[in-house]
Amino acid sequence: MQRRVLVNTIRWYLLGFLIFAMAGGFLLVTVDKSTLHLAINSVYSPFLDALFVTLTALGDAWAPTVLIIVFLFIRFRTAIHIAVSSIAGFTATLTLKHTIFADALRPKMFFEHNHLLRFVPGVEIFAYNSFPSGHAVTALATCLCLAAHFRRAPAQIAFLILAILIAFSRVYLSQHFLGDIYAGAWIGLFCGAGAAVLVRVDDQRSSTAWMDGSLRSYFGHRRGPASQ
């Protein structure tokens, strides 16, 4: 029942993700990994450099941390949702990077002897632990949490587009291959959706009513009687 409610709550986010998954999967199956990355790498401009450097910063750990703090003053349930999905995503990413896929090379090392690869000036480029993309995990999971909170179709679509652009920034900057962000996107989706089920984003039971409160309402309630 809770899963059915969740699907209805974020249906536009899920529908958009399905389109992304089909298109990304098609590219990964039909185009060689090297060819695909070099094709993407060949399209660049100063504007795109600045855009994707900015977007990639939104996939760092500071972004969900700031959102958790902000939502503590808006709605505890959303803050907890973001926190749980972030911890799950971080754990899954770190585990995969340093165990099963510890030898996965990033583009810098994969194309070590290929001088066609371009890097954005001023960006530190990593060499190892390519799979999966932690930025993609964080972006898709966090934006799913925001979609579950705001819910209106335009907002859900906007958050999905933002998540995909943050993930894609890692390919543009040659920090990851498309397959890395594709896998990361799926992991982020499952972490965000799994956390939504755990915190019961649409729970109306009185026993969890406190989760729909906030620090603002809590302190406002405590100040209320004293001010009368």
C-alpha atoms as a PDB file:
ATOM      1  CA  MET A   1       0.000   0.000   0.000  1.00  0.00           C
ATOM      2  CA  GLN A   2       2.769   2.412   0.980  1.00  0.00           C
ATOM      3  CA  ARG A   3       4.653   1.659  -2.256  1.00  0.00           C
ATOM      4  CA  ARG A   4       1.506   2.392  -4.293  1.00  0.00           C
ATOM      5  CA  VAL A   5       1.074   5.717  -2.501  1.00  0.00           C
ATOM      6  CA  LEU A   6       4.747   6.535  -3.130  1.00  0.00           C
ATOM      7  CA  VAL A   7       4.422   5.853  -6.864  1.00  0.00           C
ATOM      8  CA  ASN A   8       1.445   8.218  -7.037  1.00  0.00           C
ATOM      9  CA  THR A   9       3.308  10.856  -5.034  1.00  0.00           C
ATOM     10  CA  ILE A  10       6.366  10.985  -7.327  1.00  0.00           C
ATOM     11  CA  ARG A  11       4.860   9.620 -10.545  1.00  0.00           C
ATOM     12  CA  TRP A  12       6.170  12.462 -12.737  1.00  0.00           C
ATOM     13  CA  TYR A  13       9.677  12.026 -11.373  1.00  0.00           C
ATOM     14  CA  LEU A  14       9.475   8.287 -12.011  1.00  0.00           C
ATOM     15  CA  LEU A  15       8.050   8.746 -15.511  1.00  0.00           C
ATOM     16  CA  GLY A  16      10.848  11.137 -16.430  1.00  0.00           C
ATOM     17  CA  PHE A  17      13.416   8.774 -14.988  1.00  0.00           C
ATOM     18  CA  LEU A  18      11.998   5.931 -17.072  1.00  0.00           C
ATOM     19  CA  ILE A  19      12.533   7.984 -20.242  1.00  0.00           C
ATOM     20  CA  PHE A  20      16.093   8.785 -19.133  1.00  0.00           C
ATOM     21  CA  ALA A  21      16.744   5.110 -18.310  1.00  0.00           C
ATOM     22  CA  MET A  22      15.517   3.925 -21.709  1.00  0.00           C
ATOM     23  CA  ALA A  23      17.527   6.523 -23.651  1.00  0.00           C
ATOM     24  CA  GLY A  24      20.665   6.001 -21.566  1.00  0.00           C
ATOM     25  CA  GLY A  25      20.372   2.240 -21.746  1.00  0.00           C
ATOM     26  CA  PHE A  26      19.988   2.372 -25.529  1.00  0.00           C
ATOM     27  CA  LEU A  27      23.164   4.458 -25.884  1.00  0.00           C
ATOM     28  CA  LEU A  28      25.157   2.196 -23.609  1.00  0.00           C
ATOM     29  CA  VAL A  29      24.095  -0.914 -25.489  1.00  0.00           C
ATOM     30  CA  THR A  30      24.563   0.429 -29.022  1.00  0.00           C
ATOM     31  CA  VAL A  31      27.635   2.679 -28.747  1.00  0.00           C
ATOM     32  CA  ASP A  32      31.124   1.666 -27.668  1.00  0.00           C
ATOM     33  CA  LYS A  33      32.212   3.097 -24.297  1.00  0.00           C
ATOM     34  CA  SER A  34      35.273   4.880 -25.708  1.00  0.00           C
ATOM     35  CA  THR A  35      33.480   6.234 -28.761  1.00  0.00           C
ATOM     36  CA  LEU A  36      30.599   7.530 -26.681  1.00  0.00           C
ATOM     37  CA  HIS A  37      32.809   9.325 -24.187  1.00  0.00           C
ATOM     38  CA  LEU A  38      35.018  10.921 -26.831  1.00  0.00           C
ATOM     39  CA  ALA A  39      31.918  12.076 -28.729  1.00  0.00           C
ATOM     40  CA  ILE A  40      30.558  13.771 -25.604  1.00  0.00           C
ATOM     41  CA  ASN A  41      33.993  15.166 -24.776  1.00  0.00           C
ATOM     42  CA  SER A  42      34.262  16.780 -28.222  1.00  0.00           C
ATOM     43  CA  VAL A  43      31.296  19.090 -27.566  1.00  0.00           C
ATOM     44  CA  TYR A  44      32.316  21.989 -25.338  1.00  0.00           C
ATOM     45  CA  SER A  45      32.290  25.752 -24.896  1.00  0.00           C
ATOM     46  CA  PRO A  46      33.280  28.261 -22.186  1.00  0.00           C
ATOM     47  CA  PHE A  47      29.597  28.531 -21.208  1.00  0.00           C
ATOM     48  CA  LEU A  48      29.215  24.759 -20.836  1.00  0.00           C
ATOM     49  CA  ASP A  49      32.468  24.590 -18.885  1.00  0.00           C
ATOM     50  CA  ALA A  50      31.182  27.132 -16.357  1.00  0.00           C
ATOM     51  CA  LEU A  51      27.704  25.573 -16.255  1.00  0.00           C
ATOM     52  CA  PHE A  52      28.844  22.029 -15.543  1.00  0.00           C
ATOM     53  CA  VAL A  53      31.517  23.076 -13.047  1.00  0.00           C
ATOM     54  CA  THR A  54      28.734  24.829 -11.119  1.00  0.00           C
ATOM     55  CA  LEU A  55      26.305  21.927 -11.459  1.00  0.00           C
ATOM     56  CA  THR A  56      28.816  19.300 -10.394  1.00  0.00           C
ATOM     57  CA  ALA A  57      29.311  21.165  -7.107  1.00  0.00           C
ATOM     58  CA  LEU A  58      25.626  20.553  -6.343  1.00  0.00           C
ATOM     59  CA  GLY A  59      26.340  16.828  -6.295  1.00  0.00           C
ATOM     60  CA  ASP A  60      28.816  17.147  -3.430  1.00  0.00           C
ATOM     61  CA  ALA A  61      27.895  16.068   0.087  1.00  0.00           C
ATOM     62  CA  TRP A  62      27.379  19.649   1.268  1.00  0.00           C
ATOM     63  CA  ALA A  63      24.168  20.003  -0.781  1.00  0.00           C
ATOM     64  CA  PRO A  64      22.027  17.370   1.010  1.00  0.00           C
ATOM     65  CA  THR A  65      23.563  18.488   4.316  1.00  0.00           C
ATOM     66  CA  VAL A  66      22.364  22.046   3.767  1.00  0.00           C
ATOM     67  CA  LEU A  67      18.944  20.788   2.672  1.00  0.00           C
ATOM     68  CA  ILE A  68      18.613  18.655   5.811  1.00  0.00           C
ATOM     69  CA  ILE A  69      19.290  21.710   7.969  1.00  0.00           C
ATOM     70  CA  VAL A  70      16.846  23.858   5.984  1.00  0.00           C
ATOM     71  CA  PHE A  71      14.051  21.274   6.114  1.00  0.00           C
ATOM     72  CA  LEU A  72      14.420  20.864   9.870  1.00  0.00           C
ATOM     73  CA  PHE A  73      12.723  24.272   9.943  1.00  0.00           C
ATOM     74  CA  ILE A  74      10.103  23.250   7.360  1.00  0.00           C
ATOM     75  CA  ARG A  75       9.222  19.576   7.837  1.00  0.00           C
ATOM     76  CA  PHE A  76      11.017  16.921   9.863  1.00  0.00           C
ATOM     77  CA  ARG A  77       9.819  14.118   7.594  1.00  0.00           C
ATOM     78  CA  THR A  78      11.504  15.610   4.531  1.00  0.00           C
ATOM     79  CA  ALA A  79      14.727  16.301   6.467  1.00  0.00           C
ATOM     80  CA  ILE A  80      14.768  12.682   7.666  1.00  0.00           C
ATOM     81  CA  HIS A  81      13.978  11.448   4.146  1.00  0.00           C
ATOM     82  CA  ILE A  82      16.978  13.320   2.729  1.00  0.00           C
ATOM     83  CA  ALA A  83      19.228  12.143   5.568  1.00  0.00           C
ATOM     84  CA  VAL A  84      18.288   8.465   5.229  1.00  0.00           C
ATOM     85  CA  SER A  85      18.602   8.469   1.433  1.00  0.00           C
ATOM     86  CA  SER A  86      21.968  10.264   1.643  1.00  0.00           C
ATOM     87  CA  ILE A  87      23.389   7.792   4.159  1.00  0.00           C
ATOM     88  CA  ALA A  88      22.133   4.844   2.087  1.00  0.00           C
ATOM     89  CA  GLY A  89      23.538   6.303  -1.122  1.00  0.00           C
ATOM     90  CA  PHE A  90      26.888   7.149   0.442  1.00  0.00           C
ATOM     91  CA  THR A  91      27.210   3.662   1.914  1.00  0.00           C
ATOM     92  CA  ALA A  92      26.276   1.917  -1.338  1.00  0.00           C
ATOM     93  CA  THR A  93      28.619   4.083  -3.411  1.00  0.00           C
ATOM     94  CA  LEU A  94      31.593   3.707  -1.096  1.00  0.00           C
ATOM     95  CA  THR A  95      31.092  -0.049  -0.815  1.00  0.00           C
ATOM     96  CA  LEU A  96      30.903  -0.612  -4.574  1.00  0.00           C
ATOM     97  CA  LYS A  97      33.793   1.752  -5.372  1.00  0.00           C
ATOM     98  CA  HIS A  98      36.190   0.085  -2.965  1.00  0.00           C
ATOM     99  CA  THR A  99      35.211  -3.580  -3.285  1.00  0.00           C
ATOM    100  CA  ILE A 100      33.678  -5.014  -6.456  1.00  0.00           C
ATOM    101  CA  PHE A 101      34.675  -2.117  -8.733  1.00  0.00           C
ATOM    102  CA  ALA A 102      37.867  -0.991  -7.006  1.00  0.00           C
ATOM    103  CA  ASP A 103      39.841  -1.343 -10.261  1.00  0.00           C
ATOM    104  CA  ALA A 104      37.456   0.703 -12.421  1.00  0.00           C
ATOM    105  CA  LEU A 105      39.449   3.414 -14.207  1.00  0.00           C
ATOM    106  CA  ARG A 106      38.172   6.912 -14.763  1.00  0.00           C
ATOM    107  CA  PRO A 107      38.523   8.490 -18.226  1.00  0.00           C
ATOM    108  CA  LYS A 108      41.841  10.162 -17.324  1.00  0.00           C
ATOM    109  CA  MET A 109      43.536   6.791 -16.858  1.00  0.00           C
ATOM    110  CA  PHE A 110      41.441   4.886 -19.386  1.00  0.00           C
ATOM    111  CA  PHE A 111      42.544   7.331 -22.122  1.00  0.00           C
ATOM    112  CA  GLU A 112      46.006   7.824 -20.641  1.00  0.00           C
ATOM    113  CA  HIS A 113      47.710   7.622 -24.042  1.00  0.00           C
ATOM    114  CA  ASN A 114      44.923   9.309 -26.007  1.00  0.00           C
ATOM    115  CA  HIS A 115      45.653  12.997 -26.500  1.00  0.00           C
ATOM    116  CA  LEU A 116      42.173  13.665 -27.895  1.00  0.00           C
ATOM    117  CA  LEU A 117      40.646  13.818 -24.401  1.00  0.00           C
ATOM    118  CA  ARG A 118      39.963  17.365 -23.248  1.00  0.00           C
ATOM    119  CA  PHE A 119      39.774  18.510 -19.631  1.00  0.00           C
ATOM    120  CA  VAL A 120      38.185  21.666 -18.270  1.00  0.00           C
ATOM    121  CA  PRO A 121      40.948  23.993 -17.027  1.00  0.00           C
ATOM    122  CA  GLY A 122      41.186  24.326 -13.258  1.00  0.00           C
ATOM    123  CA  VAL A 123      39.228  21.153 -12.464  1.00  0.00           C
ATOM    124  CA  GLU A 124      41.008  18.448 -10.478  1.00  0.00           C
ATOM    125  CA  ILE A 125      40.621  15.184 -12.382  1.00  0.00           C
ATOM    126  CA  PHE A 126      40.572  11.857 -10.560  1.00  0.00           C
ATOM    127  CA  ALA A 127      41.983   8.619 -11.948  1.00  0.00           C
ATOM    128  CA  TYR A 128      40.441   5.654 -10.102  1.00  0.00           C
ATOM    129  CA  ASN A 129      37.226   4.396  -8.440  1.00  0.00           C
ATOM    130  CA  SER A 130      35.090   5.342 -11.396  1.00  0.00           C
ATOM    131  CA  PHE A 131      32.081   3.083 -10.834  1.00  0.00           C
ATOM    132  CA  PRO A 132      29.497   4.139  -9.810  1.00  0.00           C
ATOM    133  CA  SER A 133      29.245   7.925  -9.809  1.00  0.00           C
ATOM    134  CA  GLY A 134      28.627   9.192  -6.285  1.00  0.00           C
ATOM    135  CA  HIS A 135      27.430  12.543  -7.643  1.00  0.00           C
ATOM    136  CA  ALA A 136      24.760  10.757  -9.689  1.00  0.00           C
ATOM    137  CA  VAL A 137      23.654   8.790  -6.622  1.00  0.00           C
ATOM    138  CA  THR A 138      23.419  11.940  -4.504  1.00  0.00           C
ATOM    139  CA  ALA A 139      21.670  13.984  -7.197  1.00  0.00           C
ATOM    140  CA  LEU A 140      18.984  11.430  -8.067  1.00  0.00           C
ATOM    141  CA  ALA A 141      18.290  10.518  -4.430  1.00  0.00           C
ATOM    142  CA  THR A 142      18.152  14.093  -3.134  1.00  0.00           C
ATOM    143  CA  CYS A 143      16.044  15.388  -5.992  1.00  0.00           C
ATOM    144  CA  LEU A 144      13.613  12.489  -5.478  1.00  0.00           C
ATOM    145  CA  CYS A 145      13.235  13.633  -1.857  1.00  0.00           C
ATOM    146  CA  LEU A 146      12.488  17.160  -3.066  1.00  0.00           C
ATOM    147  CA  ALA A 147      10.012  15.825  -5.624  1.00  0.00           C
ATOM    148  CA  ALA A 148       8.239  13.884  -2.854  1.00  0.00           C
ATOM    149  CA  HIS A 149       7.981  17.082  -0.823  1.00  0.00           C
ATOM    150  CA  PHE A 150       6.838  19.564  -3.483  1.00  0.00           C
ATOM    151  CA  ARG A 151       4.878  17.020  -5.584  1.00  0.00           C
ATOM    152  CA  ARG A 152       3.468  19.265  -8.317  1.00  0.00           C
ATOM    153  CA  ALA A 153       4.289  17.947 -11.802  1.00  0.00           C
ATOM    154  CA  PRO A 154       6.384  20.969 -12.942  1.00  0.00           C
ATOM    155  CA  ALA A 155       8.457  20.791  -9.757  1.00  0.00           C
ATOM    156  CA  GLN A 156       9.050  17.039 -10.092  1.00  0.00           C
ATOM    157  CA  ILE A 157      10.116  17.386 -13.725  1.00  0.00           C
ATOM    158  CA  ALA A 158      12.400  20.321 -12.858  1.00  0.00           C
ATOM    159  CA  PHE A 159      14.064  18.351 -10.052  1.00  0.00           C
ATOM    160  CA  LEU A 160      14.597  15.366 -12.337  1.00  0.00           C
ATOM    161  CA  ILE A 161      16.175  17.529 -15.035  1.00  0.00           C
ATOM    162  CA  LEU A 162      18.428  19.116 -12.428  1.00  0.00           C
ATOM    163  CA  ALA A 163      19.466  15.676 -11.131  1.00  0.00           C
ATOM    164  CA  ILE A 164      20.280  14.419 -14.632  1.00  0.00           C
ATOM    165  CA  LEU A 165      22.292  17.555 -15.439  1.00  0.00           C
ATOM    166  CA  ILE A 166      24.278  17.203 -12.210  1.00  0.00           C
ATOM    167  CA  ALA A 167      24.980  13.572 -13.061  1.00  0.00           C
ATOM    168  CA  PHE A 168      25.877  14.405 -16.664  1.00  0.00           C
ATOM    169  CA  SER A 169      28.310  17.086 -15.485  1.00  0.00           C
ATOM    170  CA  ARG A 170      30.561  14.248 -14.339  1.00  0.00           C
ATOM    171  CA  VAL A 171      30.774  12.915 -17.895  1.00  0.00           C
ATOM    172  CA  TYR A 172      31.281  16.378 -19.382  1.00  0.00           C
ATOM    173  CA  LEU A 173      34.167  16.984 -16.967  1.00  0.00           C
ATOM    174  CA  SER A 174      35.597  13.513 -17.766  1.00  0.00           C
ATOM    175  CA  GLN A 175      35.336  12.416 -14.141  1.00  0.00           C
ATOM    176  CA  HIS A 176      33.130   9.470 -15.146  1.00  0.00           C
ATOM    177  CA  PHE A 177      31.828   7.480 -18.089  1.00  0.00           C
ATOM    178  CA  LEU A 178      28.165   7.494 -19.024  1.00  0.00           C
ATOM    179  CA  GLY A 179      27.796   3.991 -17.594  1.00  0.00           C
ATOM    180  CA  ASP A 180      29.049   5.235 -14.224  1.00  0.00           C
ATOM    181  CA  ILE A 181      26.371   7.898 -13.923  1.00  0.00           C
ATOM    182  CA  TYR A 182      23.714   5.575 -15.351  1.00  0.00           C
ATOM    183  CA  ALA A 183      24.361   3.033 -12.600  1.00  0.00           C
ATOM    184  CA  GLY A 184      24.625   5.821 -10.032  1.00  0.00           C
ATOM    185  CA  ALA A 185      21.259   7.188 -11.121  1.00  0.00           C
ATOM    186  CA  TRP A 186      19.577   3.828 -10.522  1.00  0.00           C
ATOM    187  CA  ILE A 187      21.235   3.489  -7.122  1.00  0.00           C
ATOM    188  CA  GLY A 188      20.143   7.004  -6.205  1.00  0.00           C
ATOM    189  CA  LEU A 189      16.582   6.281  -7.303  1.00  0.00           C
ATOM    190  CA  PHE A 190      16.384   3.130  -5.178  1.00  0.00           C
ATOM    191  CA  CYS A 191      17.962   4.856  -2.170  1.00  0.00           C
ATOM    192  CA  GLY A 192      15.554   7.782  -2.407  1.00  0.00           C
ATOM    193  CA  ALA A 193      12.511   5.556  -2.955  1.00  0.00           C
ATOM    194  CA  GLY A 194      13.559   3.108  -0.238  1.00  0.00           C
ATOM    195  CA  ALA A 195      14.036   5.951   2.232  1.00  0.00           C
ATOM    196  CA  ALA A 196      10.592   7.304   1.272  1.00  0.00           C
ATOM    197  CA  VAL A 197       9.031   3.961   2.194  1.00  0.00           C
ATOM    198  CA  LEU A 198      10.924   3.890   5.503  1.00  0.00           C
ATOM    199  CA  VAL A 199       9.877   7.395   6.560  1.00  0.00           C
ATOM    200  CA  ARG A 200       6.379   6.871   5.095  1.00  0.00           C
ATOM    201  CA  VAL A 201       6.193  10.137   3.161  1.00  0.00           C
ATOM    202  CA  ASP A 202       2.376  10.093   3.165  1.00  0.00           C
ATOM    203  CA  ASP A 203       1.785   8.664   6.629  1.00  0.00           C
ATOM    204  CA  GLN A 204      -1.256  10.221   8.316  1.00  0.00           C
ATOM    205  CA  ARG A 205      -1.082   8.261  11.590  1.00  0.00           C
ATOM    206  CA  SER A 206      -1.134  10.304  14.774  1.00  0.00           C
ATOM    207  CA  SER A 207       1.859   8.358  16.098  1.00  0.00           C
ATOM    208  CA  THR A 208       4.077   9.926  13.413  1.00  0.00           C
ATOM    209  CA  ALA A 209       2.418  13.342  13.389  1.00  0.00           C
ATOM    210  CA  TRP A 210       5.547  14.881  14.943  1.00  0.00           C
ATOM    211  CA  MET A 211       7.400  14.161  11.678  1.00  0.00           C
ATOM    212  CA  ASP A 212       5.207  16.685   9.903  1.00  0.00           C
ATOM    213  CA  GLY A 213       6.221  19.368  12.363  1.00  0.00           C
ATOM    214  CA  SER A 214       9.406  21.449  12.297  1.00  0.00           C
ATOM    215  CA  LEU A 215      11.783  23.313  14.566  1.00  0.00           C
ATOM    216  CA  ARG A 216       9.973  26.501  13.633  1.00  0.00           C
ATOM    217  CA  SER A 217       6.586  25.168  14.718  1.00  0.00           C
ATOM    218  CA  TYR A 218       8.099  23.521  17.804  1.00  0.00           C
ATOM    219  CA  PHE A 219       9.740  26.684  19.105  1.00  0.00           C
ATOM    220  CA  GLY A 220       6.745  28.754  18.038  1.00  0.00           C
ATOM    221  CA  HIS A 221       4.466  26.494  20.079  1.00  0.00           C
ATOM    222  CA  ARG A 222       6.747  26.759  23.125  1.00  0.00           C
ATOM    223  CA  ARG A 223       6.874  30.560  22.910  1.00  0.00           C
ATOM    224  CA  GLY A 224       3.110  30.852  22.397  1.00  0.00           C
ATOM    225  CA  PRO A 225       1.807  30.378  25.971  1.00  0.00           C
ATOM    226  CA  ALA A 226       4.569  32.553  27.426  1.00  0.00           C
ATOM    227  CA  SER A 227       3.595  35.453  25.194  1.00  0.00           C
ATOM    228  CA  GLN A 228      -0.067  35.440  26.236  1.00  0.00           C
END
